[in-house]
């Protein structure tokens, strides 16, 4: 049977926070994974390439190093 949909709320202004259906923060507040989630959501429906995400999150890193860090 299909799983019921669960609503999450991603706050991107002020603090970057992912909240579950109960309104409580989900997981530990790790900035880069939440930033990646925000980037992916913002790029929908076109998607976000791995290279573009790496450039946005690690602009100081060399191309291949940034892509490996993203993995």
C-alpha atoms as a PDB file:
ATOM      1  CA  UNK A   1       0.000   0.000   0.000  1.00  0.00           C
ATOM      2  CA  UNK A   2       1.146   3.575  -0.618  1.00  0.00           C
ATOM      3  CA  UNK A   3       2.832   5.335   2.278  1.00  0.00           C
ATOM      4  CA  UNK A   4       1.095   8.412   3.643  1.00  0.00           C
ATOM      5  CA  UNK A   5       2.691  11.758   2.790  1.00  0.00           C
ATOM      6  CA  UNK A   6       4.456  13.519   5.619  1.00  0.00           C
ATOM      7  CA  UNK A   7       4.916  17.284   5.515  1.00  0.00           C
ATOM      8  CA  UNK A   8       8.269  18.791   6.414  1.00  0.00           C
ATOM      9  CA  UNK A   9       9.036  22.497   6.631  1.00  0.00           C
ATOM     10  CA  UNK A  10      12.383  23.910   5.508  1.00  0.00           C
ATOM     11  CA  UNK A  11      13.107  27.414   6.810  1.00  0.00           C
ATOM     12  CA  UNK A  12      15.670  29.192   4.644  1.00  0.00           C
ATOM     13  CA  UNK A  13      15.517  32.742   5.999  1.00  0.00           C
ATOM     14  CA  UNK A  14      17.221  33.410   9.301  1.00  0.00           C
ATOM     15  CA  UNK A  15      18.245  30.043  10.676  1.00  0.00           C
ATOM     16  CA  UNK A  16      18.372  27.168   8.204  1.00  0.00           C
ATOM     17  CA  UNK A  17      16.143  24.560   9.885  1.00  0.00           C
ATOM     18  CA  UNK A  18      14.271  21.451   8.758  1.00  0.00           C
ATOM     19  CA  UNK A  19      11.199  20.746  10.886  1.00  0.00           C
ATOM     20  CA  UNK A  20       9.134  17.577  10.927  1.00  0.00           C
ATOM     21  CA  UNK A  21       5.345  17.279  10.967  1.00  0.00           C
ATOM     22  CA  UNK A  22       5.335  17.896  14.724  1.00  0.00           C
ATOM     23  CA  UNK A  23       7.171  21.219  14.292  1.00  0.00           C
ATOM     24  CA  UNK A  24      10.342  19.960  15.983  1.00  0.00           C
ATOM     25  CA  UNK A  25      13.760  20.287  14.299  1.00  0.00           C
ATOM     26  CA  UNK A  26      14.824  17.129  12.470  1.00  0.00           C
ATOM     27  CA  UNK A  27      18.313  15.836  13.205  1.00  0.00           C
ATOM     28  CA  UNK A  28      21.382  17.751  14.257  1.00  0.00           C
ATOM     29  CA  UNK A  29      21.776  21.224  12.725  1.00  0.00           C
ATOM     30  CA  UNK A  30      24.518  20.508  10.190  1.00  0.00           C
ATOM     31  CA  UNK A  31      24.761  23.453   7.813  1.00  0.00           C
ATOM     32  CA  UNK A  32      26.106  21.902   4.605  1.00  0.00           C
ATOM     33  CA  UNK A  33      23.529  19.067   4.337  1.00  0.00           C
ATOM     34  CA  UNK A  34      20.707  21.515   5.032  1.00  0.00           C
ATOM     35  CA  UNK A  35      22.170  23.970   2.515  1.00  0.00           C
ATOM     36  CA  UNK A  36      22.300  21.179  -0.069  1.00  0.00           C
ATOM     37  CA  UNK A  37      18.675  20.313   0.645  1.00  0.00           C
ATOM     38  CA  UNK A  38      17.680  23.976   0.230  1.00  0.00           C
ATOM     39  CA  UNK A  39      19.557  24.167  -3.091  1.00  0.00           C
ATOM     40  CA  UNK A  40      17.910  21.006  -4.415  1.00  0.00           C
ATOM     41  CA  UNK A  41      14.442  22.208  -3.418  1.00  0.00           C
ATOM     42  CA  UNK A  42      15.048  25.637  -4.962  1.00  0.00           C
ATOM     43  CA  UNK A  43      16.112  24.089  -8.292  1.00  0.00           C
ATOM     44  CA  UNK A  44      13.051  21.905  -8.657  1.00  0.00           C
ATOM     45  CA  UNK A  45      11.782  20.803 -11.224  1.00  0.00           C
ATOM     46  CA  UNK A  46      14.953  21.297 -13.313  1.00  0.00           C
ATOM     47  CA  UNK A  47      17.280  19.714 -10.780  1.00  0.00           C
ATOM     48  CA  UNK A  48      20.747  20.667  -9.632  1.00  0.00           C
ATOM     49  CA  UNK A  49      23.916  19.242 -11.119  1.00  0.00           C
ATOM     50  CA  UNK A  50      26.591  17.828  -8.859  1.00  0.00           C
ATOM     51  CA  UNK A  51      29.126  20.301 -10.280  1.00  0.00           C
ATOM     52  CA  UNK A  52      26.881  23.309  -9.613  1.00  0.00           C
ATOM     53  CA  UNK A  53      26.112  22.172  -6.048  1.00  0.00           C
ATOM     54  CA  UNK A  54      29.817  21.647  -5.351  1.00  0.00           C
ATOM     55  CA  UNK A  55      30.660  25.104  -6.716  1.00  0.00           C
ATOM     56  CA  UNK A  56      27.988  26.760  -4.581  1.00  0.00           C
ATOM     57  CA  UNK A  57      28.847  24.928  -1.351  1.00  0.00           C
ATOM     58  CA  UNK A  58      32.651  24.811  -1.674  1.00  0.00           C
ATOM     59  CA  UNK A  59      33.658  27.736  -3.914  1.00  0.00           C
ATOM     60  CA  UNK A  60      37.239  27.703  -2.580  1.00  0.00           C
ATOM     61  CA  UNK A  61      37.819  24.032  -3.473  1.00  0.00           C
ATOM     62  CA  UNK A  62      39.137  22.741  -6.781  1.00  0.00           C
ATOM     63  CA  UNK A  63      36.475  21.189  -9.025  1.00  0.00           C
ATOM     64  CA  UNK A  64      37.215  17.492  -8.462  1.00  0.00           C
ATOM     65  CA  UNK A  65      37.936  17.963  -4.742  1.00  0.00           C
ATOM     66  CA  UNK A  66      34.614  19.803  -4.275  1.00  0.00           C
ATOM     67  CA  UNK A  67      32.714  17.046  -6.092  1.00  0.00           C
ATOM     68  CA  UNK A  68      34.348  14.369  -3.906  1.00  0.00           C
ATOM     69  CA  UNK A  69      33.458  16.380  -0.787  1.00  0.00           C
ATOM     70  CA  UNK A  70      29.863  16.469  -1.977  1.00  0.00           C
ATOM     71  CA  UNK A  71      29.803  12.668  -2.129  1.00  0.00           C
END
